[in-house]
Structure formats: C-alpha cells, structure tokens
Amino acid sequence: METSVLTSKGQLLVPKRLRNKYGIKSGVKIIFEETPNGLIIKPMDEQYFKSFMGILKSTGNLKEEMKQMKAEEEKFETKRLQLKSHKR
C-alpha cells in the first residue's frame, strides 16, 4: 500500500510506481468515482473510453438517426408554437 499527502491546494501526488503501472502520464485527466466502499481513482485514458462502447443503441446509420431526431424536434416545436398561439 502506498500513501500520499494532500497539499494545501488540494493536490495529490500519485506515487511513481502506480503512475507507471497504470500508465498515468503528465496531462492525463483522472476521474474520481465515489463508491459505497470509498473513492476509486482512474485515468481517463483510451481504455476508459473504450469501456463505454456499445452502451448506446444504434442502427449504425447515424445520418438517418440525426434526420429523424431533427424531424421530431421540428414536430415538437411546431406543436409548442401552436399551443402558445392558442393561449393568446
């Protein structure tokens, strides 16, 4: 187990052995994840972002999905404007 001291500016030094082991280099953003058992510190590296792959469902046709979303937004906005004009 390794330790570190929090500075007066709220900074922590990650011990060199752990930086090397987990590939934490200068400029790498770190995520602090709260759990019921405490705090988990993880680098926001390529592996971190790969862990999100497949979370969102997609048909694989982004252009078509964007067209559908835009059409739904326009339909909603038209309906909102109609309701607003009836209230006057």
Protein backbone atom coordinates (compact mmCIF):
# COMPACT_ATOMS: atom_id res chain seq x y z
CA MET A 1 0.00 0.00 0.00
CA GLU A 2 1.27 3.43 -0.91
CA THR A 3 0.30 6.77 0.55
CA SER A 4 0.28 10.40 -0.50
CA VAL A 5 -0.33 13.70 1.26
CA LEU A 6 -2.95 16.23 0.14
CA THR A 7 -1.37 19.68 -0.33
CA SER A 8 -2.90 22.93 0.89
CA LYS A 9 -4.06 23.48 -2.71
CA GLY A 10 -5.95 20.15 -2.72
CA GLN A 11 -3.41 18.37 -4.92
CA LEU A 12 -2.36 14.73 -4.62
CA LEU A 13 0.80 13.12 -5.88
CA VAL A 14 0.19 9.69 -7.37
CA PRO A 15 3.20 7.54 -6.44
CA LYS A 16 5.56 6.87 -9.35
CA ARG A 17 5.18 3.07 -9.17
CA LEU A 18 1.39 3.41 -9.56
CA ARG A 19 1.70 6.03 -12.34
CA ASN A 20 3.94 3.63 -14.24
CA LYS A 21 1.75 0.59 -13.57
CA TYR A 22 -1.47 2.30 -14.72
CA GLY A 23 0.01 4.46 -17.48
CA ILE A 24 -0.81 7.76 -15.82
CA LYS A 25 1.31 10.38 -17.56
CA SER A 26 1.52 14.13 -17.31
CA GLY A 27 -1.60 15.76 -18.75
CA VAL A 28 -3.82 12.67 -18.39
CA LYS A 29 -7.18 13.52 -16.80
CA ILE A 30 -8.16 11.50 -13.77
CA ILE A 31 -11.69 10.51 -12.76
CA PHE A 32 -12.70 10.24 -9.12
CA GLU A 33 -15.52 7.72 -8.73
CA GLU A 34 -17.42 7.54 -5.46
CA THR A 35 -18.50 4.08 -4.32
CA PRO A 36 -20.09 2.80 -1.11
CA ASN A 37 -16.63 1.50 -0.15
CA GLY A 38 -14.71 4.69 -0.85
CA LEU A 39 -13.08 6.53 -3.71
CA ILE A 40 -11.74 4.99 -6.92
CA ILE A 41 -9.20 6.96 -8.94
CA LYS A 42 -8.91 6.06 -12.64
CA PRO A 43 -7.08 7.61 -15.58
CA MET A 44 -9.35 8.80 -18.38
CA ASP A 45 -7.25 7.02 -20.98
CA GLU A 46 -8.17 5.11 -24.13
CA GLN A 47 -9.23 2.06 -22.11
CA TYR A 48 -11.61 4.21 -20.04
CA PHE A 49 -13.40 5.49 -23.15
CA LYS A 50 -13.46 2.03 -24.77
CA SER A 51 -15.40 0.81 -21.73
CA PHE A 52 -18.37 2.90 -22.96
CA MET A 53 -18.53 1.26 -26.39
CA GLY A 54 -21.85 -0.41 -27.07
CA ILE A 55 -23.76 1.38 -24.29
CA LEU A 56 -25.92 3.38 -26.70
CA LYS A 57 -28.15 1.51 -29.08
CA SER A 58 -27.74 2.47 -32.71
CA THR A 59 -28.89 1.16 -36.04
CA GLY A 60 -25.50 2.05 -37.45
CA ASN A 61 -26.88 4.79 -39.69
CA LEU A 62 -26.07 7.99 -37.82
CA LYS A 63 -27.14 10.30 -40.65
CA GLU A 64 -30.62 8.76 -40.78
CA GLU A 65 -30.93 8.84 -36.98
CA MET A 66 -30.00 12.54 -36.96
CA LYS A 67 -32.65 13.27 -39.62
CA GLN A 68 -35.27 11.50 -37.50
CA MET A 69 -34.24 13.40 -34.38
CA LYS A 70 -34.42 16.72 -36.26
CA ALA A 71 -37.88 15.87 -37.60
CA GLU A 72 -39.08 15.05 -34.07
CA GLU A 73 -37.66 18.33 -32.75
CA GLU A 74 -39.40 20.30 -35.51
CA LYS A 75 -42.70 18.49 -34.82
CA PHE A 76 -42.40 19.26 -31.11
CA GLU A 77 -41.55 22.93 -31.77
CA THR A 78 -44.49 23.33 -34.18
CA LYS A 79 -46.85 21.85 -31.60
CA ARG A 80 -45.43 24.10 -28.89
CA LEU A 81 -45.89 27.21 -31.03
CA GLN A 82 -49.48 26.21 -31.89
CA LEU A 83 -50.33 25.80 -28.20
CA LYS A 84 -48.68 29.13 -27.40
CA SER A 85 -50.70 30.96 -30.11
CA HIS A 86 -54.00 29.42 -28.86
CA LYS A 87 -53.38 30.73 -25.35
CA ARG A 88 -53.25 34.36 -26.56
